């Protein structure tokens, strides 16, 4: 019997749930990758669950859900460190 993945067989995208922490005093921000989900609905559910926790509830606008295409190069250029 061949193994068939029930999670990735027809999936084109995953959904990254980020929380962007903004520090207006330093004019800076950090991104926290909360999780990677198989559907927008699951990412939204996580956003609701975490929205009640310390830090997250102080800035509910900090959540971002980004669809991310799988099996594709998402960074196509080199980089340099200054």
N, C-alpha and C. Protein backbone atom coordinates (compact mmCIF):
# COMPACT_ATOMS: atom_id res chain seq x y z
N UNK A 1 0.85 -1.18 0.00
CA UNK A 1 0.00 0.00 0.00
C UNK A 1 0.89 1.24 0.00
N UNK A 2 0.65 2.11 -0.94
CA UNK A 2 1.43 3.34 -1.02
C UNK A 2 0.86 4.39 -0.08
N UNK A 3 1.77 5.12 0.55
CA UNK A 3 1.36 6.20 1.45
C UNK A 3 0.88 7.38 0.63
N UNK A 4 -0.27 7.91 0.95
CA UNK A 4 -0.77 9.12 0.31
C UNK A 4 -0.99 10.17 1.38
N UNK A 5 -0.31 11.29 1.23
CA UNK A 5 -0.45 12.37 2.21
C UNK A 5 -1.84 12.99 2.09
N UNK A 6 -2.53 13.06 3.19
CA UNK A 6 -3.84 13.72 3.18
C UNK A 6 -3.69 15.22 3.33
N UNK A 7 -2.49 15.69 3.65
CA UNK A 7 -2.30 17.10 3.89
C UNK A 7 -1.81 17.87 2.67
N UNK A 8 -1.02 17.27 1.82
CA UNK A 8 -0.35 18.03 0.77
C UNK A 8 -0.71 17.60 -0.64
N UNK A 9 -1.58 16.65 -0.82
CA UNK A 9 -1.80 16.09 -2.14
C UNK A 9 -2.33 17.11 -3.15
N UNK A 10 -3.22 18.00 -2.75
CA UNK A 10 -3.80 18.96 -3.67
C UNK A 10 -3.55 20.41 -3.22
N UNK A 11 -2.67 20.60 -2.29
CA UNK A 11 -2.46 21.92 -1.70
C UNK A 11 -1.53 22.76 -2.58
N UNK A 12 -1.95 23.96 -2.90
CA UNK A 12 -1.11 24.90 -3.64
C UNK A 12 -0.52 25.96 -2.74
N UNK A 13 -1.25 26.31 -1.68
CA UNK A 13 -0.82 27.36 -0.77
C UNK A 13 -0.86 26.87 0.67
N UNK A 14 -0.03 27.48 1.48
CA UNK A 14 -0.16 27.40 2.92
C UNK A 14 -0.37 28.84 3.39
N UNK A 15 -0.77 29.00 4.64
CA UNK A 15 -1.11 30.32 5.15
C UNK A 15 -0.27 30.60 6.39
N UNK A 16 0.57 31.63 6.29
CA UNK A 16 1.46 32.01 7.37
C UNK A 16 0.77 33.05 8.23
N UNK A 17 0.69 32.78 9.52
CA UNK A 17 0.12 33.74 10.46
C UNK A 17 1.28 34.44 11.16
N UNK A 18 1.37 35.73 10.93
CA UNK A 18 2.41 36.57 11.52
C UNK A 18 1.79 37.51 12.54
N UNK A 19 2.60 37.91 13.51
CA UNK A 19 2.24 39.03 14.37
C UNK A 19 3.37 40.02 14.29
N UNK A 20 3.04 41.24 13.90
CA UNK A 20 4.04 42.30 13.76
C UNK A 20 4.04 43.15 15.02
N UNK A 21 5.17 43.12 15.74
CA UNK A 21 5.33 43.91 16.96
C UNK A 21 5.96 45.24 16.57
N UNK A 22 5.26 46.31 16.84
CA UNK A 22 5.76 47.63 16.49
C UNK A 22 6.20 48.37 17.74
N UNK A 23 7.37 49.01 17.65
CA UNK A 23 7.88 49.84 18.75
C UNK A 23 8.02 51.26 18.22
N UNK A 24 7.00 52.10 18.46
CA UNK A 24 7.05 53.46 17.91
C UNK A 24 8.19 54.30 18.48
N UNK A 25 8.63 53.99 19.69
CA UNK A 25 9.73 54.75 20.28
C UNK A 25 11.03 54.54 19.52
N UNK A 26 11.23 53.31 19.04
CA UNK A 26 12.44 52.99 18.29
C UNK A 26 12.24 53.04 16.78
N UNK A 27 10.99 53.33 16.37
CA UNK A 27 10.65 53.30 14.94
C UNK A 27 11.10 51.98 14.32
N UNK A 28 10.72 50.87 14.99
CA UNK A 28 11.17 49.54 14.59
C UNK A 28 10.02 48.56 14.71
N UNK A 29 10.16 47.43 14.02
CA UNK A 29 9.17 46.36 14.15
C UNK A 29 9.86 45.01 13.99
N UNK A 30 9.27 44.01 14.62
CA UNK A 30 9.71 42.62 14.52
C UNK A 30 8.52 41.77 14.13
N UNK A 31 8.77 40.75 13.32
CA UNK A 31 7.72 39.83 12.94
C UNK A 31 7.87 38.51 13.67
N UNK A 32 6.79 38.05 14.27
CA UNK A 32 6.77 36.75 14.92
C UNK A 32 5.97 35.80 14.03
N UNK A 33 6.60 34.74 13.55
CA UNK A 33 5.86 33.74 12.78
C UNK A 33 5.15 32.85 13.78
N UNK A 34 3.82 32.96 13.82
CA UNK A 34 3.01 32.22 14.78
C UNK A 34 2.83 30.78 14.33
N UNK A 35 2.54 30.59 13.05
CA UNK A 35 2.33 29.23 12.55
C UNK A 35 2.06 29.22 11.06
N UNK A 36 2.09 28.02 10.51
CA UNK A 36 1.82 27.78 9.10
C UNK A 36 0.63 26.82 9.04
N UNK A 37 -0.41 27.22 8.31
CA UNK A 37 -1.67 26.49 8.33
C UNK A 37 -2.06 26.05 6.93
N UNK A 38 -2.81 24.97 6.86
CA UNK A 38 -3.21 24.39 5.58
C UNK A 38 -4.40 25.10 4.96
N UNK A 39 -5.06 26.01 5.68
CA UNK A 39 -6.19 26.75 5.11
C UNK A 39 -6.27 28.12 5.77
N UNK A 40 -6.91 29.04 5.06
CA UNK A 40 -7.14 30.38 5.60
C UNK A 40 -8.00 30.27 6.86
N UNK A 41 -8.97 29.37 6.85
CA UNK A 41 -9.86 29.20 8.00
C UNK A 41 -9.07 28.79 9.25
N UNK A 42 -8.13 27.88 9.11
CA UNK A 42 -7.33 27.46 10.27
C UNK A 42 -6.44 28.59 10.77
N UNK A 43 -5.92 29.40 9.86
CA UNK A 43 -5.11 30.55 10.26
C UNK A 43 -5.98 31.56 11.00
N UNK A 44 -7.20 31.80 10.50
CA UNK A 44 -8.13 32.72 11.17
C UNK A 44 -8.50 32.20 12.56
N UNK A 45 -8.71 30.88 12.68
CA UNK A 45 -9.03 30.29 13.99
C UNK A 45 -7.89 30.52 14.99
N UNK A 46 -6.65 30.36 14.52
CA UNK A 46 -5.50 30.58 15.40
C UNK A 46 -5.42 32.04 15.82
N UNK A 47 -5.71 32.93 14.89
CA UNK A 47 -5.70 34.36 15.18
C UNK A 47 -6.71 34.68 16.29
N UNK A 48 -7.89 34.10 16.22
CA UNK A 48 -8.92 34.31 17.24
C UNK A 48 -8.45 33.74 18.58
N UNK A 49 -7.91 32.52 18.56
CA UNK A 49 -7.43 31.89 19.80
C UNK A 49 -6.35 32.74 20.47
N UNK A 50 -5.38 33.17 19.69
CA UNK A 50 -4.25 33.90 20.26
C UNK A 50 -4.57 35.36 20.55
N UNK A 51 -5.63 35.87 19.93
CA UNK A 51 -5.99 37.27 20.13
C UNK A 51 -6.34 37.62 21.57
N UNK A 52 -6.59 36.62 22.39
CA UNK A 52 -6.94 36.84 23.80
C UNK A 52 -5.72 36.80 24.72
N UNK A 53 -4.57 36.44 24.18
CA UNK A 53 -3.36 36.28 25.00
C UNK A 53 -2.62 37.60 25.20
N UNK A 54 -1.83 37.65 26.29
CA UNK A 54 -1.01 38.82 26.59
C UNK A 54 -0.21 39.24 25.38
N UNK A 55 -0.09 40.54 25.19
CA UNK A 55 0.67 41.07 24.07
C UNK A 55 -0.15 41.13 22.80
N UNK A 56 -0.74 40.02 22.41
CA UNK A 56 -1.54 39.99 21.19
C UNK A 56 -2.81 40.83 21.35
N UNK A 57 -3.45 40.73 22.49
CA UNK A 57 -4.72 41.46 22.67
C UNK A 57 -4.50 42.97 22.74
N UNK A 58 -3.27 43.39 23.04
CA UNK A 58 -2.96 44.83 23.11
C UNK A 58 -2.95 45.48 21.74
N UNK A 59 -2.73 44.70 20.70
CA UNK A 59 -2.66 45.24 19.34
C UNK A 59 -3.21 44.23 18.33
N UNK A 60 -4.53 44.05 18.30
CA UNK A 60 -5.11 43.05 17.40
C UNK A 60 -4.83 43.33 15.94
N UNK A 61 -4.48 44.56 15.59
CA UNK A 61 -4.16 44.87 14.20
C UNK A 61 -2.79 44.35 13.78
N UNK A 62 -2.04 43.81 14.75
CA UNK A 62 -0.70 43.29 14.45
C UNK A 62 -0.69 41.96 13.72
N UNK A 63 -1.83 41.27 13.65
CA UNK A 63 -1.89 39.98 12.96
C UNK A 63 -1.95 40.17 11.45
N UNK A 64 -1.22 39.32 10.75
CA UNK A 64 -1.28 39.28 9.29
C UNK A 64 -1.28 37.82 8.85
N UNK A 65 -2.14 37.51 7.90
CA UNK A 65 -2.16 36.18 7.30
C UNK A 65 -1.71 36.32 5.86
N UNK A 66 -0.67 35.59 5.51
CA UNK A 66 -0.10 35.68 4.17
C UNK A 66 -0.16 34.34 3.48
N UNK A 67 -0.87 34.25 2.34
CA UNK A 67 -0.82 33.01 1.57
C UNK A 67 0.57 32.85 0.99
N UNK A 68 1.06 31.62 0.95
CA UNK A 68 2.42 31.34 0.50
C UNK A 68 2.37 30.13 -0.41
N UNK A 69 2.73 30.34 -1.65
CA UNK A 69 2.67 29.27 -2.64
C UNK A 69 3.77 28.24 -2.35
N UNK A 70 3.41 26.97 -2.33
CA UNK A 70 4.40 25.92 -2.07
C UNK A 70 4.97 25.41 -3.39
N UNK A 71 6.10 24.72 -3.29
CA UNK A 71 6.81 24.15 -4.44
C UNK A 71 7.18 25.22 -5.46
N UNK A 72 7.52 26.40 -4.96
CA UNK A 72 7.92 27.50 -5.82
C UNK A 72 9.01 28.29 -5.11
N UNK A 73 9.99 28.77 -5.87
CA UNK A 73 11.02 29.62 -5.28
C UNK A 73 10.39 30.96 -4.95
N UNK A 74 10.44 31.33 -3.69
CA UNK A 74 9.88 32.60 -3.26
C UNK A 74 10.96 33.66 -3.07
N UNK A 75 12.19 33.25 -3.10
CA UNK A 75 13.33 34.17 -3.06
C UNK A 75 14.17 33.79 -4.26
N UNK A 76 14.21 34.67 -5.25
CA UNK A 76 14.83 34.30 -6.52
C UNK A 76 16.15 35.00 -6.81
N UNK A 77 16.62 35.82 -5.90
CA UNK A 77 17.89 36.54 -6.09
C UNK A 77 18.85 36.17 -4.96
N UNK A 78 20.09 36.51 -5.15
CA UNK A 78 21.08 36.32 -4.08
C UNK A 78 20.89 37.37 -3.00
N UNK A 79 21.87 37.47 -2.11
CA UNK A 79 21.81 38.48 -1.06
C UNK A 79 23.23 38.83 -0.65
N UNK A 80 23.36 39.92 0.07
CA UNK A 80 24.66 40.31 0.60
C UNK A 80 24.46 40.79 2.03
N UNK A 81 25.49 40.66 2.80
CA UNK A 81 25.46 41.13 4.19
C UNK A 81 26.40 42.31 4.28
N UNK A 82 25.87 43.43 4.72
CA UNK A 82 26.68 44.66 4.80
C UNK A 82 27.34 44.78 6.13
